[in-house]
Amino acid sequence: MSFERLVKTIHSWLGVLILPWVAAIGFTGLYMNHDDLILSIFPTAHYDTGGFDASPDARAQDEASAEVFATTLAAGAEVFLDDEEQSFRDRHVYTFDAGEFDVIVDRATGFGWTNSRYVTRTYAPDGEWLHTRIRWSRVLASIHERGWVGTALGTWLADITAGALVVFGLSGLVLFVMPRLRRMKNRRAKAAMLKQVVARG
């Protein structure tokens, strides 16, 4: 196999393999510059808290009852109360650290949320799931920085994609330049041959 054919094969396969990540990085890069425009494509609305106070299920919570509810929402995981008074969605809340996410309990009504890096879920005081909100800004940022959603495996996929893009660009440059160099070489050889024919009379 000639060098040019080898480069062409590498270039073609790289184009196929990295296309999904090139498209993803391009789209998420557009989000970095025009976040409001891109986020308008996705459903990003929070659950409406306006009806919390009027709900027949609303019950004021003290620290102990809020912790019981938080433990329920955390599926039995150990929870730790954040001692600082906090607010969430303009509500006065208890916030519990459950490891990979927070459990938030509205003090006035007992409604609650689980709030992770990428997802916020809303629950009624009886534990009924009401709404899931994907935090698209963080999802898109993670895809752009790491090549996928999550931090567990680091940035190696994005690094591979970046390296593949460099090879793709260089191989494309080789495929662009080599035929032109070959044509130039052929023209010079043809011109030299014509000069020899003319010189021989």
N, C-alpha and C. Protein backbone atom coordinates (compact mmCIF):
# COMPACT_ATOMS: atom_id res chain seq x y z
N MET A 1 0.84 -1.19 0.00
CA MET A 1 0.00 0.00 0.00
C MET A 1 0.88 1.25 0.00
N SER A 2 0.58 2.18 -0.91
CA SER A 2 1.36 3.41 -0.99
C SER A 2 1.09 4.30 0.22
N PHE A 3 2.01 5.22 0.46
CA PHE A 3 1.85 6.14 1.59
C PHE A 3 0.57 6.96 1.45
N GLU A 4 0.30 7.44 0.26
CA GLU A 4 -0.89 8.27 0.05
C GLU A 4 -2.17 7.48 0.28
N ARG A 5 -2.18 6.23 -0.15
CA ARG A 5 -3.37 5.39 0.06
C ARG A 5 -3.57 5.10 1.55
N LEU A 6 -2.44 4.87 2.27
CA LEU A 6 -2.53 4.65 3.71
C LEU A 6 -3.12 5.87 4.41
N VAL A 7 -2.63 7.05 4.04
CA VAL A 7 -3.13 8.29 4.64
C VAL A 7 -4.62 8.47 4.33
N LYS A 8 -5.01 8.14 3.11
CA LYS A 8 -6.41 8.27 2.72
C LYS A 8 -7.29 7.33 3.54
N THR A 9 -6.82 6.10 3.78
CA THR A 9 -7.57 5.13 4.58
C THR A 9 -7.74 5.62 6.02
N ILE A 10 -6.62 6.12 6.60
CA ILE A 10 -6.67 6.65 7.97
C ILE A 10 -7.64 7.83 8.05
N HIS A 11 -7.54 8.72 7.08
CA HIS A 11 -8.38 9.92 7.06
C HIS A 11 -9.87 9.53 6.97
N SER A 12 -10.17 8.54 6.11
CA SER A 12 -11.57 8.15 5.92
C SER A 12 -12.15 7.51 7.18
N TRP A 13 -11.40 6.60 7.80
CA TRP A 13 -11.90 5.92 8.99
C TRP A 13 -12.02 6.87 10.18
N LEU A 14 -11.06 7.78 10.30
CA LEU A 14 -11.15 8.76 11.38
C LEU A 14 -12.40 9.62 11.22
N GLY A 15 -12.68 10.01 9.98
CA GLY A 15 -13.87 10.81 9.73
C GLY A 15 -15.14 10.12 10.17
N VAL A 16 -15.22 8.81 9.92
CA VAL A 16 -16.41 8.05 10.32
C VAL A 16 -16.48 7.88 11.83
N LEU A 17 -15.35 7.55 12.45
CA LEU A 17 -15.34 7.21 13.87
C LEU A 17 -15.58 8.41 14.78
N ILE A 18 -15.03 9.56 14.43
CA ILE A 18 -15.12 10.71 15.33
C ILE A 18 -16.27 11.66 14.99
N LEU A 19 -17.00 11.35 13.91
CA LEU A 19 -18.08 12.26 13.49
C LEU A 19 -19.07 12.57 14.62
N PRO A 20 -19.56 11.56 15.38
CA PRO A 20 -20.52 11.89 16.45
C PRO A 20 -19.95 12.87 17.47
N TRP A 21 -18.68 12.70 17.84
CA TRP A 21 -18.09 13.59 18.84
C TRP A 21 -17.75 14.96 18.25
N VAL A 22 -17.41 15.00 16.99
CA VAL A 22 -17.19 16.29 16.34
C VAL A 22 -18.49 17.09 16.33
N ALA A 23 -19.59 16.41 15.99
CA ALA A 23 -20.89 17.09 15.99
C ALA A 23 -21.27 17.53 17.40
N ALA A 24 -21.02 16.65 18.39
CA ALA A 24 -21.37 16.98 19.78
C ALA A 24 -20.54 18.15 20.29
N ILE A 25 -19.25 18.14 20.02
CA ILE A 25 -18.37 19.21 20.48
C ILE A 25 -18.71 20.51 19.77
N GLY A 26 -19.06 20.41 18.48
CA GLY A 26 -19.47 21.62 17.76
C GLY A 26 -20.75 22.22 18.34
N PHE A 27 -21.73 21.36 18.62
CA PHE A 27 -23.01 21.83 19.16
C PHE A 27 -22.82 22.42 20.56
N THR A 28 -22.06 21.72 21.41
CA THR A 28 -21.86 22.21 22.77
C THR A 28 -20.96 23.45 22.77
N GLY A 29 -20.07 23.55 21.80
CA GLY A 29 -19.28 24.79 21.66
C GLY A 29 -20.17 25.97 21.31
N LEU A 30 -21.17 25.71 20.46
CA LEU A 30 -22.15 26.77 20.15
C LEU A 30 -22.90 27.17 21.41
N TYR A 31 -23.21 26.19 22.28
CA TYR A 31 -23.86 26.50 23.55
C TYR A 31 -22.98 27.40 24.41
N MET A 32 -21.67 27.16 24.42
CA MET A 32 -20.77 27.98 25.23
C MET A 32 -20.86 29.46 24.84
N ASN A 33 -21.06 29.73 23.57
CA ASN A 33 -21.12 31.12 23.09
C ASN A 33 -22.53 31.69 23.07
N HIS A 34 -23.53 30.82 22.98
CA HIS A 34 -24.93 31.28 22.86
C HIS A 34 -25.81 30.41 23.75
N ASP A 35 -25.56 30.46 25.04
CA ASP A 35 -26.23 29.54 25.96
C ASP A 35 -27.74 29.72 25.99
N ASP A 36 -28.22 30.95 25.99
CA ASP A 36 -29.67 31.17 26.05
C ASP A 36 -30.37 30.61 24.82
N LEU A 37 -29.75 30.78 23.66
CA LEU A 37 -30.34 30.28 22.41
C LEU A 37 -30.42 28.75 22.43
N ILE A 38 -29.34 28.09 22.81
CA ILE A 38 -29.31 26.63 22.79
C ILE A 38 -30.22 26.06 23.87
N LEU A 39 -30.20 26.64 25.07
CA LEU A 39 -31.04 26.12 26.15
C LEU A 39 -32.52 26.29 25.85
N SER A 40 -32.87 27.23 24.97
CA SER A 40 -34.28 27.41 24.61
C SER A 40 -34.82 26.20 23.84
N ILE A 41 -33.93 25.36 23.32
CA ILE A 41 -34.36 24.16 22.59
C ILE A 41 -34.83 23.08 23.56
N PHE A 42 -34.28 23.09 24.78
CA PHE A 42 -34.51 22.02 25.74
C PHE A 42 -35.55 22.43 26.79
N PRO A 43 -36.29 21.46 27.32
CA PRO A 43 -37.22 21.77 28.43
C PRO A 43 -36.43 21.96 29.72
N THR A 44 -36.40 23.18 30.23
CA THR A 44 -35.58 23.48 31.40
C THR A 44 -36.39 24.02 32.57
N ALA A 45 -37.72 24.02 32.47
CA ALA A 45 -38.55 24.65 33.50
C ALA A 45 -38.51 23.85 34.80
N HIS A 46 -38.47 24.58 35.91
CA HIS A 46 -38.62 23.97 37.23
C HIS A 46 -40.09 23.63 37.47
N TYR A 47 -40.32 22.73 38.43
CA TYR A 47 -41.68 22.47 38.87
C TYR A 47 -42.21 23.71 39.57
N ASP A 48 -43.44 24.09 39.27
CA ASP A 48 -44.05 25.29 39.84
C ASP A 48 -44.31 25.09 41.34
N THR A 49 -43.66 25.91 42.14
CA THR A 49 -43.83 25.81 43.60
C THR A 49 -45.00 26.65 44.11
N GLY A 50 -45.71 27.28 43.21
CA GLY A 50 -46.78 28.19 43.61
C GLY A 50 -47.90 27.51 44.39
N GLY A 51 -48.11 26.23 44.13
CA GLY A 51 -49.20 25.54 44.81
C GLY A 51 -48.80 24.81 46.08
N PHE A 52 -47.55 24.93 46.48
CA PHE A 52 -47.09 24.20 47.67
C PHE A 52 -47.90 24.58 48.92
N ASP A 53 -48.02 25.86 49.17
CA ASP A 53 -48.65 26.30 50.42
C ASP A 53 -50.13 25.94 50.49
N ALA A 54 -50.80 25.91 49.33
CA ALA A 54 -52.24 25.61 49.31
C ALA A 54 -52.52 24.11 49.23
N SER A 55 -51.49 23.30 49.08
CA SER A 55 -51.70 21.86 48.94
C SER A 55 -52.26 21.26 50.23
N PRO A 56 -53.22 20.35 50.11
CA PRO A 56 -53.75 19.69 51.32
C PRO A 56 -52.71 18.78 51.99
N ASP A 57 -51.66 18.45 51.26
CA ASP A 57 -50.60 17.59 51.82
C ASP A 57 -49.52 18.39 52.54
N ALA A 58 -49.60 19.71 52.47
CA ALA A 58 -48.55 20.54 53.06
C ALA A 58 -48.50 20.38 54.57
N ARG A 59 -47.30 20.16 55.09
CA ARG A 59 -47.09 20.04 56.53
C ARG A 59 -45.78 20.73 56.88
N ALA A 60 -45.83 21.60 57.88
CA ALA A 60 -44.60 22.25 58.32
C ALA A 60 -43.63 21.20 58.86
N GLN A 61 -42.35 21.41 58.60
CA GLN A 61 -41.33 20.43 58.98
C GLN A 61 -40.37 21.02 60.02
N ASP A 62 -40.05 20.19 61.01
CA ASP A 62 -38.93 20.56 61.87
C ASP A 62 -37.73 19.75 61.39
N GLU A 63 -36.61 19.93 62.06
CA GLU A 63 -35.38 19.27 61.62
C GLU A 63 -35.51 17.76 61.61
N ALA A 64 -36.13 17.19 62.63
CA ALA A 64 -36.23 15.74 62.75
C ALA A 64 -37.11 15.15 61.65
N SER A 65 -38.28 15.74 61.43
CA SER A 65 -39.18 15.20 60.40
C SER A 65 -38.60 15.39 59.01
N ALA A 66 -37.90 16.51 58.80
CA ALA A 66 -37.26 16.74 57.50
C ALA A 66 -36.18 15.70 57.24
N GLU A 67 -35.45 15.33 58.30
CA GLU A 67 -34.40 14.32 58.13
C GLU A 67 -34.99 12.95 57.80
N VAL A 68 -36.12 12.61 58.39
CA VAL A 68 -36.79 11.35 58.07
C VAL A 68 -37.19 11.34 56.59
N PHE A 69 -37.76 12.44 56.14
CA PHE A 69 -38.18 12.53 54.74
C PHE A 69 -36.97 12.47 53.81
N ALA A 70 -35.89 13.17 54.18
CA ALA A 70 -34.68 13.18 53.37
C ALA A 70 -34.10 11.77 53.25
N THR A 71 -34.12 11.02 54.34
CA THR A 71 -33.62 9.65 54.31
C THR A 71 -34.46 8.79 53.37
N THR A 72 -35.77 9.03 53.35
CA THR A 72 -36.64 8.30 52.43
C THR A 72 -36.31 8.61 50.98
N LEU A 73 -36.11 9.89 50.68
CA LEU A 73 -35.80 10.28 49.30
C LEU A 73 -34.40 9.83 48.89
N ALA A 74 -33.52 9.66 49.87
CA ALA A 74 -32.16 9.23 49.56
C ALA A 74 -32.02 7.72 49.51
N ALA A 75 -33.14 7.02 49.51
CA ALA A 75 -33.16 5.56 49.38
C ALA A 75 -32.30 4.88 50.44
N GLY A 76 -32.40 5.35 51.68
CA GLY A 76 -31.69 4.71 52.77
C GLY A 76 -30.26 5.17 52.97
N ALA A 77 -29.75 6.04 52.12
CA ALA A 77 -28.38 6.53 52.30
C ALA A 77 -28.31 7.44 53.52
N GLU A 78 -27.14 7.52 54.11
CA GLU A 78 -26.96 8.39 55.28
C GLU A 78 -26.96 9.85 54.83
N VAL A 79 -27.69 10.67 55.55
CA VAL A 79 -27.78 12.08 55.19
C VAL A 79 -27.25 12.94 56.34
N PHE A 80 -26.71 14.09 55.97
CA PHE A 80 -26.14 15.02 56.95
C PHE A 80 -26.71 16.41 56.71
N LEU A 81 -27.24 17.01 57.74
CA LEU A 81 -27.85 18.33 57.62
C LEU A 81 -26.78 19.40 57.46
N ASP A 82 -27.00 20.27 56.49
CA ASP A 82 -26.17 21.45 56.36
C ASP A 82 -26.65 22.47 57.39
N ASP A 83 -25.77 22.86 58.30
CA ASP A 83 -26.18 23.72 59.41
C ASP A 83 -26.57 25.13 58.98
N GLU A 84 -26.08 25.56 57.83
CA GLU A 84 -26.41 26.91 57.38
C GLU A 84 -27.83 26.97 56.86
N GLU A 85 -28.55 28.04 57.20
CA GLU A 85 -29.90 28.22 56.67
C GLU A 85 -29.79 28.53 55.18
N GLN A 86 -30.61 27.86 54.39
CA GLN A 86 -30.52 28.02 52.95
C GLN A 86 -31.89 28.21 52.34
N SER A 87 -31.88 28.67 51.10
CA SER A 87 -33.12 28.78 50.34
C SER A 87 -32.94 28.07 49.01
N PHE A 88 -34.04 27.58 48.46
CA PHE A 88 -34.04 26.90 47.17
C PHE A 88 -35.36 27.22 46.50
N ARG A 89 -35.29 27.71 45.27
CA ARG A 89 -36.50 28.11 44.56
C ARG A 89 -37.32 29.12 45.37
N ASP A 90 -36.60 30.02 46.04
CA ASP A 90 -37.22 31.05 46.88
C ASP A 90 -38.02 30.47 48.05
N ARG A 91 -37.66 29.25 48.47
CA ARG A 91 -38.30 28.61 49.62
C ARG A 91 -37.26 28.45 50.72
N HIS A 92 -37.71 28.56 51.97
CA HIS A 92 -36.85 28.35 53.13
C HIS A 92 -36.76 26.84 53.35
N VAL A 93 -35.54 26.27 53.31
CA VAL A 93 -35.42 24.82 53.24
C VAL A 93 -34.38 24.28 54.22
N TYR A 94 -34.49 22.97 54.47
CA TYR A 94 -33.41 22.20 55.06
C TYR A 94 -32.66 21.52 53.91
N THR A 95 -31.34 21.54 53.96
CA THR A 95 -30.53 20.89 52.93
C THR A 95 -29.69 19.79 53.57
N PHE A 96 -29.80 18.58 53.01
CA PHE A 96 -29.07 17.43 53.53
C PHE A 96 -28.10 16.92 52.45
N ASP A 97 -26.90 16.64 52.88
CA ASP A 97 -25.90 16.05 51.99
C ASP A 97 -26.09 14.53 52.01
N ALA A 98 -26.38 13.95 50.83
CA ALA A 98 -26.57 12.50 50.74
C ALA A 98 -25.47 11.85 49.90
N GLY A 99 -24.32 12.50 49.84
CA GLY A 99 -23.20 11.94 49.08
C GLY A 99 -23.12 12.52 47.68
N GLU A 100 -23.68 11.81 46.70
CA GLU A 100 -23.59 12.26 45.31
C GLU A 100 -24.66 13.28 44.95
N PHE A 101 -25.55 13.57 45.86
CA PHE A 101 -26.59 14.57 45.60
C PHE A 101 -27.05 15.15 46.92
N ASP A 102 -27.80 16.24 46.85
CA ASP A 102 -28.41 16.86 48.02
C ASP A 102 -29.89 16.53 48.07
N VAL A 103 -30.41 16.41 49.27
CA VAL A 103 -31.85 16.31 49.47
C VAL A 103 -32.29 17.60 50.14
N ILE A 104 -33.28 18.23 49.54
CA ILE A 104 -33.74 19.55 50.00
C ILE A 104 -35.20 19.42 50.41
N VAL A 105 -35.53 19.89 51.61
CA VAL A 105 -36.90 19.78 52.14
C VAL A 105 -37.42 21.17 52.47
N ASP A 106 -38.55 21.50 51.90
CA ASP A 106 -39.18 22.79 52.17
C ASP A 106 -39.71 22.81 53.60
N ARG A 107 -39.27 23.79 54.39
CA ARG A 107 -39.63 23.83 55.80
C ARG A 107 -41.13 24.07 56.01
N ALA A 108 -41.74 24.86 55.15
CA ALA A 108 -43.14 25.26 55.38
C ALA A 108 -44.14 24.20 54.95
N THR A 109 -43.78 23.36 53.98
CA THR A 109 -44.79 22.46 53.40
C THR A 109 -44.38 20.99 53.37
N GLY A 110 -43.09 20.69 53.45
CA GLY A 110 -42.66 19.30 53.38
C GLY A 110 -42.44 18.77 51.98
N PHE A 111 -42.65 19.59 50.96
CA PHE A 111 -42.26 19.17 49.61
C PHE A 111 -40.74 19.07 49.57
N GLY A 112 -40.24 18.26 48.66
CA GLY A 112 -38.79 18.06 48.65
C GLY A 112 -38.22 17.90 47.25
N TRP A 113 -36.90 17.96 47.21
CA TRP A 113 -36.16 17.79 45.96
C TRP A 113 -34.93 16.92 46.21
N THR A 114 -34.54 16.17 45.21
CA THR A 114 -33.19 15.61 45.17
C THR A 114 -32.47 16.38 44.07
N ASN A 115 -31.30 16.88 44.40
CA ASN A 115 -30.60 17.78 43.49
C ASN A 115 -29.19 17.23 43.24
N SER A 116 -28.99 16.59 42.08
CA SER A 116 -27.68 16.07 41.74
C SER A 116 -27.01 16.99 40.72
N ARG A 117 -25.87 16.60 40.24
CA ARG A 117 -25.13 17.45 39.31
C ARG A 117 -25.92 17.71 38.02
N TYR A 118 -26.67 16.70 37.57
CA TYR A 118 -27.32 16.81 36.28
C TYR A 118 -28.85 16.78 36.33
N VAL A 119 -29.43 16.39 37.46
CA VAL A 119 -30.88 16.20 37.51
C VAL A 119 -31.43 16.75 38.83
N THR A 120 -32.58 17.43 38.75
CA THR A 120 -33.34 17.84 39.93
C THR A 120 -34.71 17.19 39.87
N ARG A 121 -35.07 16.47 40.94
CA ARG A 121 -36.39 15.82 41.00
C ARG A 121 -37.20 16.44 42.13
N THR A 122 -38.48 16.62 41.88
CA THR A 122 -39.40 17.22 42.86
C THR A 122 -40.33 16.14 43.39
N TYR A 123 -40.56 16.18 44.72
CA TYR A 123 -41.41 15.17 45.36
C TYR A 123 -42.45 15.84 46.26
N ALA A 124 -43.61 15.20 46.34
CA ALA A 124 -44.66 15.62 47.27
C ALA A 124 -44.28 15.18 48.68
N PRO A 125 -44.93 15.72 49.71
CA PRO A 125 -44.61 15.34 51.10
C PRO A 125 -44.77 13.84 51.39
N ASP A 126 -45.59 13.15 50.60
CA ASP A 126 -45.75 11.71 50.81
C ASP A 126 -44.73 10.89 50.03
N GLY A 127 -43.79 11.57 49.37
CA GLY A 127 -42.75 10.88 48.61
C GLY A 127 -43.09 10.64 47.16
N GLU A 128 -44.27 11.06 46.71
CA GLU A 128 -44.65 10.86 45.31
C GLU A 128 -43.78 11.72 44.41
N TRP A 129 -43.22 11.10 43.38
CA TRP A 129 -42.41 11.84 42.41
C TRP A 129 -43.32 12.72 41.56
N LEU A 130 -42.98 14.00 41.44
CA LEU A 130 -43.81 14.94 40.71
C LEU A 130 -43.19 15.41 39.40
N HIS A 131 -41.88 15.55 39.37
CA HIS A 131 -41.26 16.20 38.20
C HIS A 131 -39.76 15.91 38.18
N THR A 132 -39.22 15.79 36.97
CA THR A 132 -37.77 15.66 36.79
C THR A 132 -37.30 16.77 35.86
N ARG A 133 -36.32 17.48 36.31
CA ARG A 133 -35.72 18.55 35.49
C ARG A 133 -34.26 18.21 35.22
N ILE A 134 -33.92 18.06 33.94
CA ILE A 134 -32.52 17.83 33.56
C ILE A 134 -31.81 19.17 33.52
N ARG A 135 -30.65 19.24 34.14
CA ARG A 135 -29.88 20.48 34.18
C ARG A 135 -29.00 20.53 32.92
N TRP A 136 -29.63 20.97 31.83
CA TRP A 136 -29.01 20.87 30.51
C TRP A 136 -27.71 21.66 30.42
N SER A 137 -27.59 22.75 31.13
CA SER A 137 -26.35 23.52 31.06
C SER A 137 -25.16 22.69 31.50
N ARG A 138 -25.34 21.89 32.55
CA ARG A 138 -24.25 21.05 33.04
C ARG A 138 -24.03 19.83 32.14
N VAL A 139 -25.11 19.30 31.59
CA VAL A 139 -24.99 18.17 30.66
C VAL A 139 -24.16 18.59 29.44
N LEU A 140 -24.51 19.73 28.86
CA LEU A 140 -23.81 20.20 27.66
C LEU A 140 -22.36 20.54 27.96
N ALA A 141 -22.12 21.16 29.12
CA ALA A 141 -20.75 21.49 29.50
C ALA A 141 -19.91 20.22 29.68
N SER A 142 -20.50 19.19 30.28
CA SER A 142 -19.79 17.94 30.49
C SER A 142 -19.45 17.26 29.16
N ILE A 143 -20.40 17.25 28.23
CA ILE A 143 -20.14 16.66 26.91
C ILE A 143 -19.01 17.40 26.22
N HIS A 144 -19.01 18.72 26.32
CA HIS A 144 -17.96 19.51 25.65
C HIS A 144 -16.59 19.25 26.27
N GLU A 145 -16.53 19.16 27.59
CA GLU A 145 -15.25 19.03 28.27
C GLU A 145 -14.74 17.59 28.30
N ARG A 146 -15.66 16.61 28.36
CA ARG A 146 -15.24 15.23 28.60
C ARG A 146 -15.64 14.26 27.50
N GLY A 147 -16.53 14.68 26.60
CA GLY A 147 -16.97 13.78 25.55
C GLY A 147 -18.16 12.93 25.94
N TRP A 148 -18.62 13.02 27.17
CA TRP A 148 -19.79 12.31 27.68
C TRP A 148 -20.29 13.00 28.93
N VAL A 149 -21.36 12.45 29.51
CA VAL A 149 -21.93 13.03 30.72
C VAL A 149 -21.37 12.28 31.93
N GLY A 150 -20.70 13.00 32.80
CA GLY A 150 -20.15 12.38 34.01
C GLY A 150 -18.68 12.72 34.19
N THR A 151 -18.18 12.42 35.38
CA THR A 151 -16.79 12.73 35.71
C THR A 151 -15.98 11.50 36.08
N ALA A 152 -16.64 10.35 36.18
CA ALA A 152 -15.98 9.17 36.72
C ALA A 152 -14.77 8.73 35.89
N LEU A 153 -14.86 8.86 34.59
CA LEU A 153 -13.79 8.37 33.72
C LEU A 153 -12.92 9.50 33.17
N GLY A 154 -13.05 10.68 33.72
CA GLY A 154 -12.16 11.77 33.33
C GLY A 154 -12.45 12.31 31.94
N THR A 155 -11.40 12.80 31.30
CA THR A 155 -11.55 13.48 30.00
C THR A 155 -10.94 12.69 28.85
N TRP A 156 -10.68 11.39 29.05
CA TRP A 156 -9.91 10.68 28.03
C TRP A 156 -10.62 10.60 26.69
N LEU A 157 -11.96 10.50 26.67
CA LEU A 157 -12.65 10.44 25.39
C LEU A 157 -12.52 11.76 24.63
N ALA A 158 -12.66 12.87 25.34
CA ALA A 158 -12.48 14.18 24.70
C ALA A 158 -11.03 14.34 24.23
N ASP A 159 -10.08 13.82 25.00
CA ASP A 159 -8.67 13.90 24.61
C ASP A 159 -8.40 13.08 23.36
N ILE A 160 -8.98 11.88 23.29
CA ILE A 160 -8.83 11.05 22.09
C ILE A 160 -9.43 11.75 20.87
N THR A 161 -10.61 12.35 21.07
CA THR A 161 -11.26 13.06 19.97
C THR A 161 -10.40 14.23 19.50
N ALA A 162 -9.81 14.96 20.44
CA ALA A 162 -8.95 16.09 20.07
C ALA A 162 -7.73 15.60 19.28
N GLY A 163 -7.11 14.52 19.76
CA GLY A 163 -5.96 13.96 19.04
C GLY A 163 -6.35 13.46 17.67
N ALA A 164 -7.52 12.81 17.57
CA ALA A 164 -7.99 12.30 16.28
C ALA A 164 -8.27 13.45 15.32
N LEU A 165 -8.78 14.56 15.84
CA LEU A 165 -9.02 15.73 14.98
C LEU A 165 -7.73 16.29 14.42
N VAL A 166 -6.67 16.28 15.23
CA VAL A 166 -5.36 16.74 14.75
C VAL A 166 -4.88 15.84 13.61
N VAL A 167 -4.95 14.52 13.82
CA VAL A 167 -4.53 13.57 12.78
C VAL A 167 -5.41 13.71 11.54
N PHE A 168 -6.72 13.90 11.76
CA PHE A 168 -7.66 14.07 10.65
C PHE A 168 -7.29 15.30 9.83
N GLY A 169 -6.98 16.40 10.52
CA GLY A 169 -6.61 17.63 9.81
C GLY A 169 -5.30 17.49 9.06
N LEU A 170 -4.29 16.88 9.69
CA LEU A 170 -2.99 16.71 9.02
C LEU A 170 -3.09 15.76 7.84
N SER A 171 -3.86 14.67 8.00
CA SER A 171 -4.00 13.73 6.88
C SER A 171 -4.77 14.39 5.74
N GLY A 172 -5.76 15.23 6.07
CA GLY A 172 -6.46 15.98 5.03
C GLY A 172 -5.54 16.92 4.29
N LEU A 173 -4.62 17.54 5.03
CA LEU A 173 -3.64 18.43 4.40
C LEU A 173 -2.73 17.66 3.46
N VAL A 174 -2.29 16.47 3.89
CA VAL A 174 -1.45 15.62 3.04
C VAL A 174 -2.19 15.24 1.76
N LEU A 175 -3.46 14.85 1.90
CA LEU A 175 -4.25 14.45 0.74
C LEU A 175 -4.53 15.63 -0.19
N PHE A 176 -4.54 16.83 0.35
CA PHE A 176 -4.72 18.02 -0.47
C PHE A 176 -3.44 18.38 -1.22
N VAL A 177 -2.31 18.26 -0.54
CA VAL A 177 -1.05 18.74 -1.11
C VAL A 177 -0.42 17.73 -2.08
N MET A 178 -0.47 16.43 -1.74
CA MET A 178 0.28 15.44 -2.53
C MET A 178 -0.14 15.38 -4.00
N PRO A 179 -1.41 15.37 -4.35
CA PRO A 179 -1.77 15.36 -5.78
C PRO A 179 -1.27 16.61 -6.51
N ARG A 180 -1.29 17.74 -5.84
CA ARG A 180 -0.81 18.97 -6.47
C ARG A 180 0.70 18.94 -6.68
N LEU A 181 1.40 18.39 -5.72
CA LEU A 181 2.84 18.23 -5.90
C LEU A 181 3.15 17.26 -7.04
N ARG A 182 2.35 16.20 -7.14
CA ARG A 182 2.56 15.22 -8.21
C ARG A 182 2.28 15.84 -9.57
N ARG A 183 1.20 16.63 -9.66
CA ARG A 183 0.91 17.29 -10.93
C ARG A 183 2.01 18.29 -11.31
N MET A 184 2.51 19.01 -10.31
CA MET A 184 3.59 19.96 -10.56
C MET A 184 4.83 19.24 -11.06
N LYS A 185 5.12 18.09 -10.43
CA LYS A 185 6.28 17.30 -10.84
C LYS A 185 6.11 16.78 -12.27
N ASN A 186 4.90 16.34 -12.60
CA ASN A 186 4.63 15.84 -13.95
C ASN A 186 4.75 16.95 -14.99
N ARG A 187 4.26 18.16 -14.66
CA ARG A 187 4.38 19.28 -15.59
C ARG A 187 5.84 19.63 -15.85
N ARG A 188 6.64 19.61 -14.78
CA ARG A 188 8.06 19.92 -14.95
C ARG A 188 8.76 18.85 -15.79
N ALA A 189 8.39 17.58 -15.56
CA ALA A 189 8.99 16.51 -16.35
C ALA A 189 8.60 16.62 -17.82
N LYS A 190 7.33 16.98 -18.06
CA LYS A 190 6.86 17.14 -19.44
C LYS A 190 7.55 18.31 -20.12
N ALA A 191 7.71 19.40 -19.36
CA ALA A 191 8.40 20.57 -19.93
C ALA A 191 9.85 20.24 -20.25
N ALA A 192 10.52 19.50 -19.38
CA ALA A 192 11.91 19.12 -19.62
C ALA A 192 12.02 18.22 -20.85
N MET A 193 11.07 17.31 -21.03
CA MET A 193 11.07 16.41 -22.19
C MET A 193 10.89 17.19 -23.49
N LEU A 194 9.98 18.19 -23.45
CA LEU A 194 9.77 19.02 -24.65
C LEU A 194 11.03 19.80 -25.01
N LYS A 195 11.73 20.29 -23.97
CA LYS A 195 12.97 21.01 -24.24
C LYS A 195 14.00 20.10 -24.90
N GLN A 196 14.07 18.85 -24.46
CA GLN A 196 15.02 17.91 -25.06
C GLN A 196 14.66 17.64 -26.52
N VAL A 197 13.32 17.50 -26.79
CA VAL A 197 12.90 17.25 -28.18
C VAL A 197 13.24 18.44 -29.05
N VAL A 198 13.03 19.65 -28.56
CA VAL A 198 13.32 20.86 -29.34
C VAL A 198 14.83 20.97 -29.57
N ALA A 199 15.61 20.63 -28.52
CA ALA A 199 17.06 20.75 -28.64
C ALA A 199 17.61 19.78 -29.67
N ARG A 200 16.97 18.62 -29.82
CA ARG A 200 17.45 17.64 -30.79
C ARG A 200 17.05 18.00 -32.22
N GLY A 201 16.17 19.00 -32.34
CA GLY A 201 15.75 19.46 -33.66
C GLY A 201 14.73 18.54 -34.26
